[in-house]
């Protein structure tokens, strides 16, 4: 995903079949794995219910897909790395 040409948007579906449009805001590499940060497009600036969504790029059946991070400690660690990057950009 290249930000040189503007924002990237994806649509994901949850287990119940609900679709959500997300805006890709950043990607980092940690331990040879890529993690992508997204924001919901339907999020209001004052809405505290939503937050950053972090997905991991994995290979599945020879194809790159995005997956949730099941390890809470790993997710927290990756979130902190994104938070540091966002803070340094401000």
Protein backbone atom coordinates (compact mmCIF):
# COMPACT_ATOMS: atom_id res chain seq x y z
CA UNK A 1 0.00 0.00 0.00
CA UNK A 2 1.59 3.18 -1.16
CA UNK A 3 0.58 6.48 0.43
CA UNK A 4 2.15 8.46 -2.47
CA UNK A 5 -1.17 8.21 -4.29
CA UNK A 6 -3.51 8.94 -1.38
CA UNK A 7 -5.18 6.83 1.23
CA UNK A 8 -5.90 3.14 0.84
CA UNK A 9 -9.23 1.66 1.85
CA UNK A 10 -10.23 -1.94 2.42
CA UNK A 11 -13.48 -3.65 3.34
CA UNK A 12 -13.42 -6.42 5.94
CA UNK A 13 -16.20 -8.63 7.25
CA UNK A 14 -16.66 -9.82 10.83
CA UNK A 15 -17.86 -13.27 11.91
CA UNK A 16 -21.48 -12.11 11.64
CA UNK A 17 -21.10 -10.94 8.03
CA UNK A 18 -21.06 -7.21 8.81
CA UNK A 19 -18.83 -5.21 6.45
CA UNK A 20 -16.55 -2.42 7.64
CA UNK A 21 -14.56 -0.01 5.52
CA UNK A 22 -11.14 0.78 6.96
CA UNK A 23 -8.54 3.37 6.01
CA UNK A 24 -4.93 2.17 6.01
CA UNK A 25 -2.80 4.68 7.95
CA UNK A 26 0.56 2.97 8.49
CA UNK A 27 2.58 -0.24 8.18
CA UNK A 28 5.48 -1.43 10.30
CA UNK A 29 7.77 -4.45 10.18
CA UNK A 30 8.59 -6.27 13.41
CA UNK A 31 10.54 -9.53 13.52
CA UNK A 32 10.15 -10.04 9.75
CA UNK A 33 6.35 -9.70 10.01
CA UNK A 34 4.28 -6.81 8.64
CA UNK A 35 1.57 -5.14 10.70
CA UNK A 36 -0.91 -2.66 9.27
CA UNK A 37 -2.80 0.03 11.17
CA UNK A 38 -6.30 1.03 10.08
CA UNK A 39 -9.00 3.46 11.19
CA UNK A 40 -12.71 2.83 10.63
CA UNK A 41 -14.05 5.25 8.01
CA UNK A 42 -17.30 5.71 9.93
CA UNK A 43 -15.49 6.95 13.04
CA UNK A 44 -16.28 10.43 14.40
CA UNK A 45 -13.39 12.40 15.89
CA UNK A 46 -15.15 12.43 19.29
CA UNK A 47 -16.12 8.74 19.17
CA UNK A 48 -14.15 6.81 21.79
CA UNK A 49 -15.76 3.45 20.99
CA UNK A 50 -13.54 2.93 17.95
CA UNK A 51 -9.81 2.99 17.81
CA UNK A 52 -6.94 1.88 15.70
CA UNK A 53 -7.32 -1.59 14.22
CA UNK A 54 -4.10 -3.56 13.79
CA UNK A 55 -3.94 -6.52 11.44
CA UNK A 56 -1.05 -8.79 10.55
CA UNK A 57 -0.12 -9.65 6.96
CA UNK A 58 0.27 -13.42 6.67
CA UNK A 59 0.57 -15.88 3.84
CA UNK A 60 -2.29 -18.32 3.51
CA UNK A 61 -2.58 -20.77 0.62
CA UNK A 62 0.13 -18.87 -1.25
CA UNK A 63 -1.74 -15.59 -0.95
CA UNK A 64 -1.14 -12.61 1.35
CA UNK A 65 -4.10 -11.96 3.63
CA UNK A 66 -4.77 -9.82 6.69
CA UNK A 67 -5.41 -11.55 10.00
CA UNK A 68 -6.17 -10.47 13.54
CA UNK A 69 -3.49 -10.82 16.21
CA UNK A 70 -4.66 -13.39 18.77
CA UNK A 71 -1.83 -12.90 21.27
CA UNK A 72 -2.83 -9.98 23.54
CA UNK A 73 0.76 -9.28 24.63
CA UNK A 74 1.92 -9.20 21.00
CA UNK A 75 -0.97 -6.93 20.04
CA UNK A 76 -0.12 -4.52 22.88
CA UNK A 77 3.54 -4.48 21.84
CA UNK A 78 2.67 -3.71 18.21
CA UNK A 79 0.15 -1.06 19.30
CA UNK A 80 2.87 0.66 21.36
CA UNK A 81 5.19 0.72 18.34
CA UNK A 82 2.48 2.38 16.22
CA UNK A 83 1.72 4.84 19.04
CA UNK A 84 5.40 5.83 19.21
CA UNK A 85 5.47 6.43 15.45
CA UNK A 86 2.28 8.48 15.52
CA UNK A 87 3.56 10.56 18.44
CA UNK A 88 6.88 11.26 16.71
CA UNK A 89 5.05 12.45 13.57
CA UNK A 90 3.02 15.04 15.49
